[in-house]
PDB file of N, CA and C in Angstrom:
ATOM      1  N   MET A   1     -64.545  77.785  10.763  1.00  0.00           N
ATOM      2  CA  MET A   1     -63.401  76.852  10.036  1.00  0.00           C
ATOM      3  C   MET A   1     -63.933  75.947   9.441  1.00  0.00           C
ATOM      4  N   ILE A   2     -65.407  75.087  10.209  1.00  0.00           N
ATOM      5  CA  ILE A   2     -65.932  73.831   9.236  1.00  0.00           C
ATOM      6  C   ILE A   2     -66.360  74.722   7.824  1.00  0.00           C
ATOM      7  N   GLU A   3     -66.785  75.645   7.837  1.00  0.00           N
ATOM      8  CA  GLU A   3     -67.151  76.303   6.853  1.00  0.00           C
ATOM      9  C   GLU A   3     -66.203  76.350   5.165  1.00  0.00           C
ATOM     10  N   SER A   4     -65.005  76.821   5.974  1.00  0.00           N
ATOM     11  CA  SER A   4     -63.883  77.045   5.087  1.00  0.00           C
ATOM     12  C   SER A   4     -63.197  75.497   4.797  1.00  0.00           C
ATOM     13  N   VAL A   5     -63.609  74.707   5.409  1.00  0.00           N
ATOM     14  CA  VAL A   5     -63.238  72.886   4.851  1.00  0.00           C
ATOM     15  C   VAL A   5     -63.835  72.537   3.999  1.00  0.00           C
ATOM     16  N   THR A   6     -65.239  72.994   4.334  1.00  0.00           N
ATOM     17  CA  THR A   6     -66.463  72.109   3.109  1.00  0.00           C
ATOM     18  C   THR A   6     -66.114  72.822   2.296  1.00  0.00           C
ATOM     19  N   ARG A   7     -65.937  74.517   2.273  1.00  0.00           N
ATOM     20  CA  ARG A   7     -65.802  74.985   0.838  1.00  0.00           C
ATOM     21  C   ARG A   7     -64.815  74.423   0.015  1.00  0.00           C
ATOM     22  N   PHE A   8     -63.563  74.568   0.393  1.00  0.00           N
ATOM     23  CA  PHE A   8     -62.465  73.856   0.107  1.00  0.00           C
ATOM     24  C   PHE A   8     -62.727  72.223  -0.349  1.00  0.00           C
ATOM     25  N   THR A   9     -63.261  71.524   0.575  1.00  0.00           N
ATOM     26  CA  THR A   9     -63.709  70.302  -0.119  1.00  0.00           C
ATOM     27  C   THR A   9     -64.821  70.596  -1.150  1.00  0.00           C
ATOM     28  N   VAL A  10     -65.860  70.889  -1.256  1.00  0.00           N
ATOM     29  CA  VAL A  10     -66.417  70.665  -2.568  1.00  0.00           C
ATOM     30  C   VAL A  10     -65.902  71.568  -3.667  1.00  0.00           C
ATOM     31  N   PHE A  11     -65.200  72.847  -3.845  1.00  0.00           N
ATOM     32  CA  PHE A  11     -64.488  73.422  -4.718  1.00  0.00           C
ATOM     33  C   PHE A  11     -62.799  72.223  -5.520  1.00  0.00           C
ATOM     34  N   ALA A  12     -62.447  71.574  -4.582  1.00  0.00           N
ATOM     35  CA  ALA A  12     -61.629  70.299  -5.064  1.00  0.00           C
ATOM     36  C   ALA A  12     -62.594  69.449  -5.808  1.00  0.00           C
ATOM     37  N   LEU A  13     -63.619  68.624  -4.959  1.00  0.00           N
ATOM     38  CA  LEU A  13     -64.548  67.917  -5.682  1.00  0.00           C
ATOM     39  C   LEU A  13     -64.910  68.009  -7.204  1.00  0.00           C
ATOM     40  N   TYR A  14     -65.468  69.652  -7.199  1.00  0.00           N
ATOM     41  CA  TYR A  14     -65.828  69.967  -8.787  1.00  0.00           C
ATOM     42  C   TYR A  14     -64.218  70.465  -9.837  1.00  0.00           C
ATOM     43  N   GLN A  15     -63.414  70.744  -9.049  1.00  0.00           N
ATOM     44  CA  GLN A  15     -62.205  70.836 -10.087  1.00  0.00           C
ATOM     45  C   GLN A  15     -61.812  69.212 -10.422  1.00  0.00           C
ATOM     46  N   LEU A  16     -62.043  68.301  -9.442  1.00  0.00           N
ATOM     47  CA  LEU A  16     -61.775  67.088  -9.884  1.00  0.00           C
ATOM     48  C   LEU A  16     -62.622  66.231 -11.083  1.00  0.00           C
ATOM     49  N   THR A  17     -64.013  66.549 -10.939  1.00  0.00           N
ATOM     50  CA  THR A  17     -65.021  66.572 -11.486  1.00  0.00           C
ATOM     51  C   THR A  17     -64.843  67.128 -12.730  1.00  0.00           C
ATOM     52  N   VAL A  18     -64.232  68.134 -12.894  1.00  0.00           N
ATOM     53  CA  VAL A  18     -63.664  68.778 -14.503  1.00  0.00           C
ATOM     54  C   VAL A  18     -62.820  67.919 -15.087  1.00  0.00           C
ATOM     55  N   MET A  19     -61.991  67.551 -14.424  1.00  0.00           N
ATOM     56  CA  MET A  19     -60.444  67.344 -14.830  1.00  0.00           C
ATOM     57  C   MET A  19     -61.385  65.770 -15.544  1.00  0.00           C
ATOM     58  N   PHE A  20     -61.948  64.954 -14.845  1.00  0.00           N
ATOM     59  CA  PHE A  20     -62.437  63.677 -15.284  1.00  0.00           C
ATOM     60  C   PHE A  20     -63.376  63.645 -16.291  1.00  0.00           C
ATOM     61  N   GLY A  21     -64.003  64.890 -16.594  1.00  0.00           N
ATOM     62  CA  GLY A  21     -64.902  64.868 -17.664  1.00  0.00           C
ATOM     63  C   GLY A  21     -63.963  65.560 -18.948  1.00  0.00           C
ATOM     64  N   ILE A  22     -62.891  66.020 -18.643  1.00  0.00           N
ATOM     65  CA  ILE A  22     -61.910  66.357 -19.784  1.00  0.00           C
ATOM     66  C   ILE A  22     -61.322  65.017 -19.968  1.00  0.00           C
ATOM     67  N   LEU A  23     -60.764  64.365 -18.975  1.00  0.00           N
ATOM     68  CA  LEU A  23     -60.098  62.913 -19.521  1.00  0.00           C
ATOM     69  C   LEU A  23     -61.012  62.019 -20.344  1.00  0.00           C
ATOM     70  N   LEU A  24     -62.321  62.246 -19.936  1.00  0.00           N
ATOM     71  CA  LEU A  24     -63.015  61.101 -20.067  1.00  0.00           C
ATOM     72  C   LEU A  24     -63.986  61.508 -21.767  1.00  0.00           C
ATOM     73  N   LEU A  25     -63.387  62.937 -22.316  1.00  0.00           N
ATOM     74  CA  LEU A  25     -63.855  63.298 -23.218  1.00  0.00           C
ATOM     75  C   LEU A  25     -64.152  62.346 -24.596  1.00  0.00           C
ATOM     76  N   PRO A  26     -62.756  61.545 -24.753  1.00  0.00           N
ATOM     77  CA  PRO A  26     -63.010  60.874 -25.800  1.00  0.00           C
ATOM     78  C   PRO A  26     -64.119  59.691 -25.841  1.00  0.00           C
ATOM     79  N   VAL A  27     -64.072  59.233 -24.181  1.00  0.00           N
ATOM     80  CA  VAL A  27     -65.165  57.863 -24.239  1.00  0.00           C
ATOM     81  C   VAL A  27     -66.443  58.420 -24.538  1.00  0.00           C
ATOM     82  N   ALA A  28     -66.526  59.771 -23.758  1.00  0.00           N
ATOM     83  CA  ALA A  28     -68.037  60.491 -24.232  1.00  0.00           C
ATOM     84  C   ALA A  28     -68.807  60.413 -25.650  1.00  0.00           C
ATOM     85  N   PHE A  29     -67.426  60.964 -26.620  1.00  0.00           N
ATOM     86  CA  PHE A  29     -67.661  61.060 -28.037  1.00  0.00           C
ATOM     87  C   PHE A  29     -67.983  59.524 -28.349  1.00  0.00           C
ATOM     88  N   ALA A  30     -67.220  58.585 -28.027  1.00  0.00           N
ATOM     89  CA  ALA A  30     -67.552  57.099 -28.304  1.00  0.00           C
ATOM     90  C   ALA A  30     -68.915  56.774 -27.636  1.00  0.00           C
ATOM     91  N   ALA A  31     -69.171  57.145 -26.828  1.00  0.00           N
ATOM     92  CA  ALA A  31     -70.490  56.415 -26.214  1.00  0.00           C
ATOM     93  C   ALA A  31     -71.846  57.472 -26.983  1.00  0.00           C
ATOM     94  N   ARG A  32     -71.628  58.193 -27.186  1.00  0.00           N
ATOM     95  CA  ARG A  32     -72.867  59.178 -27.747  1.00  0.00           C
ATOM     96  C   ARG A  32     -72.727  58.418 -29.142  1.00  0.00           C
ATOM     97  N   ARG A  33     -71.640  58.132 -30.032  1.00  0.00           N
ATOM     98  CA  ARG A  33     -72.091  57.677 -31.633  1.00  0.00           C
ATOM     99  C   ARG A  33     -72.909  56.257 -31.535  1.00  0.00           C
ATOM    100  N   LEU A  34     -72.746  55.668 -29.871  1.00  0.00           N
ATOM    101  CA  LEU A  34     -73.173  54.519 -29.717  1.00  0.00           C
ATOM    102  C   LEU A  34     -75.122  54.428 -28.876  1.00  0.00           C
ATOM    103  N   GLY A  35     -75.272  55.737 -28.944  1.00  0.00           N
ATOM    104  CA  GLY A  35     -76.470  56.327 -28.391  1.00  0.00           C
ATOM    105  C   GLY A  35     -76.347  56.470 -26.673  1.00  0.00           C
ATOM    106  N   ILE A  36     -75.714  56.314 -26.273  1.00  0.00           N
ATOM    107  CA  ILE A  36     -75.112  56.248 -24.674  1.00  0.00           C
ATOM    108  C   ILE A  36     -74.655  57.891 -24.419  1.00  0.00           C
ATOM    109  N   GLN A  37     -75.286  58.436 -23.254  1.00  0.00           N
ATOM    110  CA  GLN A  37     -75.122  59.810 -22.876  1.00  0.00           C
ATOM    111  C   GLN A  37     -74.900  59.825 -21.461  1.00  0.00           C
ATOM    112  N   LEU A  38     -73.317  60.657 -21.269  1.00  0.00           N
ATOM    113  CA  LEU A  38     -72.615  60.360 -19.956  1.00  0.00           C
ATOM    114  C   LEU A  38     -73.065  61.250 -18.887  1.00  0.00           C
ATOM    115  N   PRO A  39     -73.385  61.201 -17.775  1.00  0.00           N
ATOM    116  CA  PRO A  39     -74.456  62.414 -17.079  1.00  0.00           C
ATOM    117  C   PRO A  39     -72.951  63.384 -16.197  1.00  0.00           C
ATOM    118  N   ILE A  40     -71.786  63.571 -17.085  1.00  0.00           N
ATOM    119  CA  ILE A  40     -70.859  64.429 -16.528  1.00  0.00           C
ATOM    120  C   ILE A  40     -71.237  65.574 -16.442  1.00  0.00           C
ATOM    121  N   GLY A  41     -72.166  66.428 -17.249  1.00  0.00           N
ATOM    122  CA  GLY A  41     -72.481  67.718 -17.416  1.00  0.00           C
ATOM    123  C   GLY A  41     -73.385  67.768 -16.240  1.00  0.00           C
ATOM    124  N   ASP A  42     -74.200  66.910 -15.931  1.00  0.00           N
ATOM    125  CA  ASP A  42     -75.401  66.984 -14.716  1.00  0.00           C
ATOM    126  C   ASP A  42     -74.716  66.692 -13.300  1.00  0.00           C
ATOM    127  N   LEU A  43     -73.447  66.168 -13.266  1.00  0.00           N
ATOM    128  CA  LEU A  43     -72.799  66.540 -12.178  1.00  0.00           C
ATOM    129  C   LEU A  43     -71.781  67.560 -11.960  1.00  0.00           C
ATOM    130  N   ILE A  44     -71.485  68.131 -12.946  1.00  0.00           N
ATOM    131  CA  ILE A  44     -70.648  69.534 -12.831  1.00  0.00           C
ATOM    132  C   ILE A  44     -71.533  70.006 -12.421  1.00  0.00           C
ATOM    133  N   GLU A  45     -72.838  70.769 -13.255  1.00  0.00           N
ATOM    134  CA  GLU A  45     -73.648  71.330 -12.534  1.00  0.00           C
ATOM    135  C   GLU A  45     -74.125  71.043 -11.339  1.00  0.00           C
ATOM    136  N   ARG A  46     -74.306  70.299 -10.698  1.00  0.00           N
ATOM    137  CA  ARG A  46     -74.638  69.701  -9.078  1.00  0.00           C
ATOM    138  C   ARG A  46     -73.842  70.713  -8.637  1.00  0.00           C
ATOM    139  N   LEU A  47     -72.381  70.337  -8.979  1.00  0.00           N
ATOM    140  CA  LEU A  47     -71.242  70.564  -7.682  1.00  0.00           C
ATOM    141  C   LEU A  47     -70.773  71.976  -7.990  1.00  0.00           C
ATOM    142  N   ASP A  48     -70.852  72.722  -9.115  1.00  0.00           N
ATOM    143  CA  ASP A  48     -70.988  74.435  -9.134  1.00  0.00           C
ATOM    144  C   ASP A  48     -72.294  74.532  -8.446  1.00  0.00           C
ATOM    145  N   SER A  49     -73.344  74.167  -8.219  1.00  0.00           N
ATOM    146  CA  SER A  49     -74.400  74.952  -7.467  1.00  0.00           C
ATOM    147  C   SER A  49     -74.046  74.368  -5.841  1.00  0.00           C
ATOM    148  N   ALA A  50     -73.762  73.660  -5.540  1.00  0.00           N
ATOM    149  CA  ALA A  50     -72.991  73.020  -4.239  1.00  0.00           C
ATOM    150  C   ALA A  50     -72.085  74.273  -4.032  1.00  0.00           C
ATOM    151  N   TYR A  51     -70.764  74.458  -4.686  1.00  0.00           N
ATOM    152  CA  TYR A  51     -69.918  75.349  -3.997  1.00  0.00           C
ATOM    153  C   TYR A  51     -70.494  76.783  -4.221  1.00  0.00           C
ATOM    154  N   ALA A  52     -71.717  77.218  -4.806  1.00  0.00           N
ATOM    155  CA  ALA A  52     -72.029  78.544  -4.966  1.00  0.00           C
ATOM    156  C   ALA A  52     -73.002  78.717  -3.775  1.00  0.00           C
ATOM    157  N   GLN A  53     -73.335  77.492  -3.105  1.00  0.00           N
ATOM    158  CA  GLN A  53     -73.867  78.090  -1.823  1.00  0.00           C
ATOM    159  C   GLN A  53     -73.478  77.596  -0.650  1.00  0.00           C
ATOM    160  N   THR A  54     -71.966  77.076  -0.948  1.00  0.00           N
ATOM    161  CA  THR A  54     -71.197  77.238   0.579  1.00  0.00           C
ATOM    162  C   THR A  54     -70.335  78.569   0.170  1.00  0.00           C
ATOM    163  N   ALA A  55     -70.290  79.416  -1.040  1.00  0.00           N
ATOM    164  CA  ALA A  55     -69.615  80.392  -1.445  1.00  0.00           C
ATOM    165  C   ALA A  55     -70.395  81.879  -0.184  1.00  0.00           C
ATOM    166  N   ASN A  56     -71.468  81.442  -0.526  1.00  0.00           N
ATOM    167  CA  ASN A  56     -72.550  82.781   0.584  1.00  0.00           C
ATOM    168  C   ASN A  56     -72.354  83.024   2.046  1.00  0.00           C
TER     169      ASN A  56
END
């Protein structure tokens, strides 16, 4: 039961992070033109690996 809740929570965080990254895409393009890189990709990779660990 706890594993199911954990898996659902991590999956929901992953989906929200992907949505957040898509919504911030124009901001990321503008920031990159200024030489600033947003760490959204790193965050998505971490949540993806966390979800993969809970799926086992």
